Amino acid sequence: MFQMCGVFAEFGRAMIVERVNAGLARAKAEGKTLGRKPVKPAIEQRIRAHRAKGMGILKIAKTVGVGTSVVQRDVAAT
């Protein structure tokens, strides 16, 4: 009985993955850009300048006016 439930769950998951991938492929074919919007180079420079001064991630995010995840991505990229 548990094996049958597992089989149906696996099949359902495979169908979901297939639909999501088809939707992403269609969006790419239509020329839509996927993912987050890129951060402007001026903002990246400000983030790096503040980080070089020793400022923390939360304070940089507040000062520059972006989210902490943006600061973390930029700091990790350097």
PDB file of N, CA and C in Angstrom:
ATOM      1  N   MET A   1       0.829  -1.193   0.000  1.00  0.00           N
ATOM      2  CA  MET A   1       0.000   0.000   0.000  1.00  0.00           C
ATOM      3  C   MET A   1       0.872   1.256   0.000  1.00  0.00           C
ATOM      4  N   PHE A   2       1.918   1.251   0.874  1.00  0.00           N
ATOM      5  CA  PHE A   2       2.808   2.409   0.934  1.00  0.00           C
ATOM      6  C   PHE A   2       3.585   2.572  -0.366  1.00  0.00           C
ATOM      7  N   GLN A   3       3.929   1.479  -0.996  1.00  0.00           N
ATOM      8  CA  GLN A   3       4.643   1.560  -2.272  1.00  0.00           C
ATOM      9  C   GLN A   3       3.772   2.203  -3.335  1.00  0.00           C
ATOM     10  N   MET A   4       2.498   1.888  -3.345  1.00  0.00           N
ATOM     11  CA  MET A   4       1.585   2.486  -4.325  1.00  0.00           C
ATOM     12  C   MET A   4       1.462   3.991  -4.094  1.00  0.00           C
ATOM     13  N   CYS A   5       1.364   4.390  -2.835  1.00  0.00           N
ATOM     14  CA  CYS A   5       1.313   5.827  -2.518  1.00  0.00           C
ATOM     15  C   CYS A   5       2.584   6.512  -2.995  1.00  0.00           C
ATOM     16  N   GLY A   6       3.722   5.858  -2.787  1.00  0.00           N
ATOM     17  CA  GLY A   6       5.001   6.414  -3.232  1.00  0.00           C
ATOM     18  C   GLY A   6       5.064   6.559  -4.735  1.00  0.00           C
ATOM     19  N   VAL A   7       4.543   5.580  -5.442  1.00  0.00           N
ATOM     20  CA  VAL A   7       4.544   5.618  -6.908  1.00  0.00           C
ATOM     21  C   VAL A   7       3.690   6.780  -7.407  1.00  0.00           C
ATOM     22  N   PHE A   8       2.507   6.955  -6.820  1.00  0.00           N
ATOM     23  CA  PHE A   8       1.636   8.052  -7.254  1.00  0.00           C
ATOM     24  C   PHE A   8       2.240   9.417  -6.910  1.00  0.00           C
ATOM     25  N   ALA A   9       2.883   9.511  -5.766  1.00  0.00           N
ATOM     26  CA  ALA A   9       3.519  10.774  -5.377  1.00  0.00           C
ATOM     27  C   ALA A   9       4.667  11.108  -6.320  1.00  0.00           C
ATOM     28  N   GLU A  10       5.439  10.105  -6.675  1.00  0.00           N
ATOM     29  CA  GLU A  10       6.556  10.303  -7.602  1.00  0.00           C
ATOM     30  C   GLU A  10       6.047  10.739  -8.972  1.00  0.00           C
ATOM     31  N   PHE A  11       4.988  10.104  -9.424  1.00  0.00           N
ATOM     32  CA  PHE A  11       4.398  10.454 -10.720  1.00  0.00           C
ATOM     33  C   PHE A  11       3.861  11.884 -10.702  1.00  0.00           C
ATOM     34  N   GLY A  12       3.189  12.259  -9.620  1.00  0.00           N
ATOM     35  CA  GLY A  12       2.652  13.613  -9.510  1.00  0.00           C
ATOM     36  C   GLY A  12       3.761  14.651  -9.519  1.00  0.00           C
ATOM     37  N   ARG A  13       4.840  14.370  -8.811  1.00  0.00           N
ATOM     38  CA  ARG A  13       5.978  15.286  -8.782  1.00  0.00           C
ATOM     39  C   ARG A  13       6.612  15.428 -10.161  1.00  0.00           C
ATOM     40  N   ALA A  14       6.725  14.335 -10.887  1.00  0.00           N
ATOM     41  CA  ALA A  14       7.290  14.370 -12.230  1.00  0.00           C
ATOM     42  C   ALA A  14       6.425  15.220 -13.161  1.00  0.00           C
ATOM     43  N   MET A  15       5.111  15.134 -13.005  1.00  0.00           N
ATOM     44  CA  MET A  15       4.205  15.942 -13.838  1.00  0.00           C
ATOM     45  C   MET A  15       4.373  17.430 -13.532  1.00  0.00           C
ATOM     46  N   ILE A  16       4.524  17.775 -12.253  1.00  0.00           N
ATOM     47  CA  ILE A  16       4.710  19.174 -11.874  1.00  0.00           C
ATOM     48  C   ILE A  16       6.008  19.714 -12.464  1.00  0.00           C
ATOM     49  N   VAL A  17       7.086  18.953 -12.348  1.00  0.00           N
ATOM     50  CA  VAL A  17       8.380  19.380 -12.872  1.00  0.00           C
ATOM     51  C   VAL A  17       8.288  19.587 -14.378  1.00  0.00           C
ATOM     52  N   GLU A  18       7.605  18.684 -15.057  1.00  0.00           N
ATOM     53  CA  GLU A  18       7.454  18.772 -16.509  1.00  0.00           C
ATOM     54  C   GLU A  18       6.692  20.045 -16.900  1.00  0.00           C
ATOM     55  N   ARG A  19       5.611  20.368 -16.180  1.00  0.00           N
ATOM     56  CA  ARG A  19       4.836  21.579 -16.488  1.00  0.00           C
ATOM     57  C   ARG A  19       5.629  22.846 -16.226  1.00  0.00           C
ATOM     58  N   VAL A  20       6.390  22.869 -15.128  1.00  0.00           N
ATOM     59  CA  VAL A  20       7.199  24.047 -14.809  1.00  0.00           C
ATOM     60  C   VAL A  20       8.265  24.259 -15.877  1.00  0.00           C
ATOM     61  N   ASN A  21       8.951  23.205 -16.261  1.00  0.00           N
ATOM     62  CA  ASN A  21       9.988  23.323 -17.282  1.00  0.00           C
ATOM     63  C   ASN A  21       9.407  23.752 -18.625  1.00  0.00           C
ATOM     64  N   ALA A  22       8.223  23.264 -18.956  1.00  0.00           N
ATOM     65  CA  ALA A  22       7.578  23.673 -20.204  1.00  0.00           C
ATOM     66  C   ALA A  22       7.227  25.161 -20.146  1.00  0.00           C
ATOM     67  N   GLY A  23       6.755  25.636 -19.013  1.00  0.00           N
ATOM     68  CA  GLY A  23       6.432  27.049 -18.861  1.00  0.00           C
ATOM     69  C   GLY A  23       7.666  27.927 -18.968  1.00  0.00           C
ATOM     70  N   LEU A  24       8.765  27.505 -18.369  1.00  0.00           N
ATOM     71  CA  LEU A  24      10.007  28.264 -18.467  1.00  0.00           C
ATOM     72  C   LEU A  24      10.521  28.302 -19.901  1.00  0.00           C
ATOM     73  N   ALA A  25      10.433  27.182 -20.586  1.00  0.00           N
ATOM     74  CA  ALA A  25      10.873  27.131 -21.983  1.00  0.00           C
ATOM     75  C   ALA A  25      10.011  28.043 -22.851  1.00  0.00           C
ATOM     76  N   ARG A  26       8.703  28.066 -22.601  1.00  0.00           N
ATOM     77  CA  ARG A  26       7.816  28.938 -23.370  1.00  0.00           C
ATOM     78  C   ARG A  26       8.140  30.407 -23.105  1.00  0.00           C
ATOM     79  N   ALA A  27       8.398  30.755 -21.850  1.00  0.00           N
ATOM     80  CA  ALA A  27       8.731  32.141 -21.512  1.00  0.00           C
ATOM     81  C   ALA A  27      10.029  32.566 -22.185  1.00  0.00           C
ATOM     82  N   LYS A  28      11.020  31.681 -22.197  1.00  0.00           N
ATOM     83  CA  LYS A  28      12.286  31.996 -22.869  1.00  0.00           C
ATOM     84  C   LYS A  28      12.068  32.157 -24.366  1.00  0.00           C
ATOM     85  N   ALA A  29      11.233  31.308 -24.962  1.00  0.00           N
ATOM     86  CA  ALA A  29      10.953  31.392 -26.394  1.00  0.00           C
ATOM     87  C   ALA A  29      10.243  32.696 -26.745  1.00  0.00           C
ATOM     88  N   GLU A  30       9.442  33.217 -25.819  1.00  0.00           N
ATOM     89  CA  GLU A  30       8.741  34.485 -26.041  1.00  0.00           C
ATOM     90  C   GLU A  30       9.645  35.684 -25.781  1.00  0.00           C
ATOM     91  N   GLY A  31      10.870  35.427 -25.320  1.00  0.00           N
ATOM     92  CA  GLY A  31      11.827  36.500 -25.107  1.00  0.00           C
ATOM     93  C   GLY A  31      11.741  37.175 -23.757  1.00  0.00           C
ATOM     94  N   LYS A  32      11.032  36.582 -22.822  1.00  0.00           N
ATOM     95  CA  LYS A  32      10.927  37.174 -21.491  1.00  0.00           C
ATOM     96  C   LYS A  32      12.202  36.893 -20.705  1.00  0.00           C
ATOM     97  N   THR A  33      12.622  37.888 -19.911  1.00  0.00           N
ATOM     98  CA  THR A  33      13.790  37.680 -19.068  1.00  0.00           C
ATOM     99  C   THR A  33      13.339  37.058 -17.755  1.00  0.00           C
ATOM    100  N   LEU A  34      14.090  36.075 -17.324  1.00  0.00           N
ATOM    101  CA  LEU A  34      13.764  35.358 -16.105  1.00  0.00           C
ATOM    102  C   LEU A  34      14.753  35.737 -15.013  1.00  0.00           C
ATOM    103  N   GLY A  35      14.340  35.650 -13.790  1.00  0.00           N
ATOM    104  CA  GLY A  35      15.214  35.917 -12.661  1.00  0.00           C
ATOM    105  C   GLY A  35      15.090  37.341 -12.156  1.00  0.00           C
ATOM    106  N   ARG A  36      15.976  37.686 -11.235  1.00  0.00           N
ATOM    107  CA  ARG A  36      15.948  39.010 -10.636  1.00  0.00           C
ATOM    108  C   ARG A  36      16.491  40.051 -11.598  1.00  0.00           C
ATOM    109  N   LYS A  37      16.068  41.294 -11.383  1.00  0.00           N
ATOM    110  CA  LYS A  37      16.604  42.389 -12.172  1.00  0.00           C
ATOM    111  C   LYS A  37      18.047  42.632 -11.734  1.00  0.00           C
ATOM    112  N   PRO A  38      18.936  42.949 -12.690  1.00  0.00           N
ATOM    113  CA  PRO A  38      20.327  43.188 -12.304  1.00  0.00           C
ATOM    114  C   PRO A  38      20.477  44.482 -11.514  1.00  0.00           C
ATOM    115  N   VAL A  39      21.468  44.508 -10.643  1.00  0.00           N
ATOM    116  CA  VAL A  39      21.753  45.684  -9.826  1.00  0.00           C
ATOM    117  C   VAL A  39      22.595  46.646 -10.663  1.00  0.00           C
ATOM    118  N   LYS A  40      22.303  47.925 -10.559  1.00  0.00           N
ATOM    119  CA  LYS A  40      23.034  48.923 -11.331  1.00  0.00           C
ATOM    120  C   LYS A  40      24.490  48.974 -10.871  1.00  0.00           C
ATOM    121  N   PRO A  41      25.407  49.205 -11.807  1.00  0.00           N
ATOM    122  CA  PRO A  41      26.835  49.261 -11.448  1.00  0.00           C
ATOM    123  C   PRO A  41      27.159  50.335 -10.416  1.00  0.00           C
ATOM    124  N   ALA A  42      26.446  51.454 -10.437  1.00  0.00           N
ATOM    125  CA  ALA A  42      26.697  52.519  -9.461  1.00  0.00           C
ATOM    126  C   ALA A  42      26.390  52.037  -8.044  1.00  0.00           C
ATOM    127  N   ILE A  43      25.331  51.273  -7.898  1.00  0.00           N
ATOM    128  CA  ILE A  43      24.970  50.744  -6.583  1.00  0.00           C
ATOM    129  C   ILE A  43      26.006  49.722  -6.127  1.00  0.00           C
ATOM    130  N   GLU A  44      26.473  48.890  -7.063  1.00  0.00           N
ATOM    131  CA  GLU A  44      27.507  47.907  -6.714  1.00  0.00           C
ATOM    132  C   GLU A  44      28.770  48.600  -6.219  1.00  0.00           C
ATOM    133  N   GLN A  45      29.144  49.693  -6.872  1.00  0.00           N
ATOM    134  CA  GLN A  45      30.339  50.427  -6.454  1.00  0.00           C
ATOM    135  C   GLN A  45      30.164  51.020  -5.060  1.00  0.00           C
ATOM    136  N   ARG A  46      28.971  51.556  -4.786  1.00  0.00           N
ATOM    137  CA  ARG A  46      28.713  52.109  -3.455  1.00  0.00           C
ATOM    138  C   ARG A  46      28.782  51.025  -2.385  1.00  0.00           C
ATOM    139  N   ILE A  47      28.228  49.860  -2.698  1.00  0.00           N
ATOM    140  CA  ILE A  47      28.256  48.743  -1.748  1.00  0.00           C
ATOM    141  C   ILE A  47      29.701  48.350  -1.454  1.00  0.00           C
ATOM    142  N   ARG A  48      30.509  48.207  -2.506  1.00  0.00           N
ATOM    143  CA  ARG A  48      31.909  47.805  -2.322  1.00  0.00           C
ATOM    144  C   ARG A  48      32.705  48.855  -1.559  1.00  0.00           C
ATOM    145  N   ALA A  49      32.401  50.135  -1.814  1.00  0.00           N
ATOM    146  CA  ALA A  49      33.108  51.209  -1.106  1.00  0.00           C
ATOM    147  C   ALA A  49      32.786  51.170   0.385  1.00  0.00           C
ATOM    148  N   HIS A  50      31.513  50.999   0.711  1.00  0.00           N
ATOM    149  CA  HIS A  50      31.120  50.923   2.119  1.00  0.00           C
ATOM    150  C   HIS A  50      31.729  49.693   2.789  1.00  0.00           C
ATOM    151  N   ARG A  51      31.764  48.585   2.063  1.00  0.00           N
ATOM    152  CA  ARG A  51      32.320  47.346   2.631  1.00  0.00           C
ATOM    153  C   ARG A  51      33.824  47.492   2.868  1.00  0.00           C
ATOM    154  N   ALA A  52      34.498  48.201   1.970  1.00  0.00           N
ATOM    155  CA  ALA A  52      35.938  48.419   2.123  1.00  0.00           C
ATOM    156  C   ALA A  52      36.230  49.257   3.366  1.00  0.00           C
ATOM    157  N   LYS A  53      35.287  50.113   3.739  1.00  0.00           N
ATOM    158  CA  LYS A  53      35.448  50.933   4.948  1.00  0.00           C
ATOM    159  C   LYS A  53      35.167  50.118   6.218  1.00  0.00           C
ATOM    160  N   GLY A  54      34.673  48.909   6.047  1.00  0.00           N
ATOM    161  CA  GLY A  54      34.421  48.055   7.199  1.00  0.00           C
ATOM    162  C   GLY A  54      32.991  48.087   7.697  1.00  0.00           C
ATOM    163  N   MET A  55      32.090  48.652   6.926  1.00  0.00           N
ATOM    164  CA  MET A  55      30.686  48.751   7.334  1.00  0.00           C
ATOM    165  C   MET A  55      30.023  47.380   7.215  1.00  0.00           C
ATOM    166  N   GLY A  56      29.084  47.090   8.081  1.00  0.00           N
ATOM    167  CA  GLY A  56      28.384  45.811   8.086  1.00  0.00           C
ATOM    168  C   GLY A  56      27.319  45.720   6.993  1.00  0.00           C
ATOM    169  N   ILE A  57      26.873  44.517   6.743  1.00  0.00           N
ATOM    170  CA  ILE A  57      25.924  44.255   5.657  1.00  0.00           C
ATOM    171  C   ILE A  57      24.587  44.954   5.903  1.00  0.00           C
ATOM    172  N   LEU A  58      24.068  44.880   7.105  1.00  0.00           N
ATOM    173  CA  LEU A  58      22.773  45.510   7.395  1.00  0.00           C
ATOM    174  C   LEU A  58      22.850  47.028   7.237  1.00  0.00           C
ATOM    175  N   LYS A  59      23.931  47.618   7.729  1.00  0.00           N
ATOM    176  CA  LYS A  59      24.084  49.063   7.644  1.00  0.00           C
ATOM    177  C   LYS A  59      24.267  49.510   6.189  1.00  0.00           C
ATOM    178  N   ILE A  60      25.021  48.746   5.404  1.00  0.00           N
ATOM    179  CA  ILE A  60      25.202  49.063   3.989  1.00  0.00           C
ATOM    180  C   ILE A  60      23.855  49.033   3.282  1.00  0.00           C
ATOM    181  N   ALA A  61      23.064  47.998   3.544  1.00  0.00           N
ATOM    182  CA  ALA A  61      21.757  47.862   2.894  1.00  0.00           C
ATOM    183  C   ALA A  61      20.872  49.052   3.210  1.00  0.00           C
ATOM    184  N   LYS A  62      20.871  49.485   4.468  1.00  0.00           N
ATOM    185  CA  LYS A  62      20.063  50.637   4.858  1.00  0.00           C
ATOM    186  C   LYS A  62      20.552  51.913   4.201  1.00  0.00           C
ATOM    187  N   THR A  63      21.873  52.102   4.176  1.00  0.00           N
ATOM    188  CA  THR A  63      22.468  53.309   3.615  1.00  0.00           C
ATOM    189  C   THR A  63      22.223  53.418   2.116  1.00  0.00           C
ATOM    190  N   VAL A  64      22.437  52.324   1.408  1.00  0.00           N
ATOM    191  CA  VAL A  64      22.310  52.332  -0.051  1.00  0.00           C
ATOM    192  C   VAL A  64      20.849  52.253  -0.478  1.00  0.00           C
ATOM    193  N   GLY A  65      20.002  51.645   0.340  1.00  0.00           N
ATOM    194  CA  GLY A  65      18.587  51.530   0.017  1.00  0.00           C
ATOM    195  C   GLY A  65      18.232  50.280  -0.761  1.00  0.00           C
ATOM    196  N   VAL A  66      18.960  49.210  -0.468  1.00  0.00           N
ATOM    197  CA  VAL A  66      18.670  47.921  -1.099  1.00  0.00           C
ATOM    198  C   VAL A  66      18.483  46.879  -0.008  1.00  0.00           C
ATOM    199  N   GLY A  67      18.114  45.679  -0.398  1.00  0.00           N
ATOM    200  CA  GLY A  67      17.937  44.599   0.558  1.00  0.00           C
ATOM    201  C   GLY A  67      19.263  43.979   0.948  1.00  0.00           C
ATOM    202  N   THR A  68      19.244  43.286   2.060  1.00  0.00           N
ATOM    203  CA  THR A  68      20.480  42.657   2.533  1.00  0.00           C
ATOM    204  C   THR A  68      20.955  41.554   1.587  1.00  0.00           C
ATOM    205  N   SER A  69      20.033  40.906   0.904  1.00  0.00           N
ATOM    206  CA  SER A  69      20.434  39.842  -0.028  1.00  0.00           C
ATOM    207  C   SER A  69      21.230  40.408  -1.196  1.00  0.00           C
ATOM    208  N   VAL A  70      20.902  41.635  -1.619  1.00  0.00           N
ATOM    209  CA  VAL A  70      21.639  42.288  -2.704  1.00  0.00           C
ATOM    210  C   VAL A  70      23.069  42.542  -2.244  1.00  0.00           C
ATOM    211  N   VAL A  71      23.221  43.027  -1.026  1.00  0.00           N
ATOM    212  CA  VAL A  71      24.556  43.313  -0.482  1.00  0.00           C
ATOM    213  C   VAL A  71      25.335  42.016  -0.337  1.00  0.00           C
ATOM    214  N   GLN A  72      24.706  40.974   0.174  1.00  0.00           N
ATOM    215  CA  GLN A  72      25.384  39.696   0.355  1.00  0.00           C
ATOM    216  C   GLN A  72      25.847  39.116  -0.975  1.00  0.00           C
ATOM    217  N   ARG A  73      25.007  39.198  -2.013  1.00  0.00           N
ATOM    218  CA  ARG A  73      25.395  38.695  -3.338  1.00  0.00           C
ATOM    219  C   ARG A  73      26.580  39.467  -3.874  1.00  0.00           C
ATOM    220  N   ASP A  74      26.568  40.783  -3.705  1.00  0.00           N
ATOM    221  CA  ASP A  74      27.645  41.613  -4.237  1.00  0.00           C
ATOM    222  C   ASP A  74      28.937  41.371  -3.482  1.00  0.00           C
ATOM    223  N   VAL A  75      28.857  41.239  -2.167  1.00  0.00           N
ATOM    224  CA  VAL A  75      30.060  40.999  -1.362  1.00  0.00           C
ATOM    225  C   VAL A  75      30.627  39.625  -1.692  1.00  0.00           C
ATOM    226  N   ALA A  76      29.769  38.642  -1.867  1.00  0.00           N
ATOM    227  CA  ALA A  76      30.237  37.279  -2.177  1.00  0.00           C
ATOM    228  C   ALA A  76      30.865  37.203  -3.559  1.00  0.00           C
ATOM    229  N   ALA A  77      30.430  38.064  -4.484  1.00  0.00           N
ATOM    230  CA  ALA A  77      30.947  38.039  -5.849  1.00  0.00           C
ATOM    231  C   ALA A  77      32.365  38.601  -5.917  1.00  0.00           C
ATOM    232  N   THR A  78      32.747  39.389  -4.925  1.00  0.00           N
ATOM    233  CA  THR A  78      34.091  39.985  -4.971  1.00  0.00           C
ATOM    234  C   THR A  78      35.091  39.162  -4.215  1.00  0.00           C
TER     235      THR A  78
END
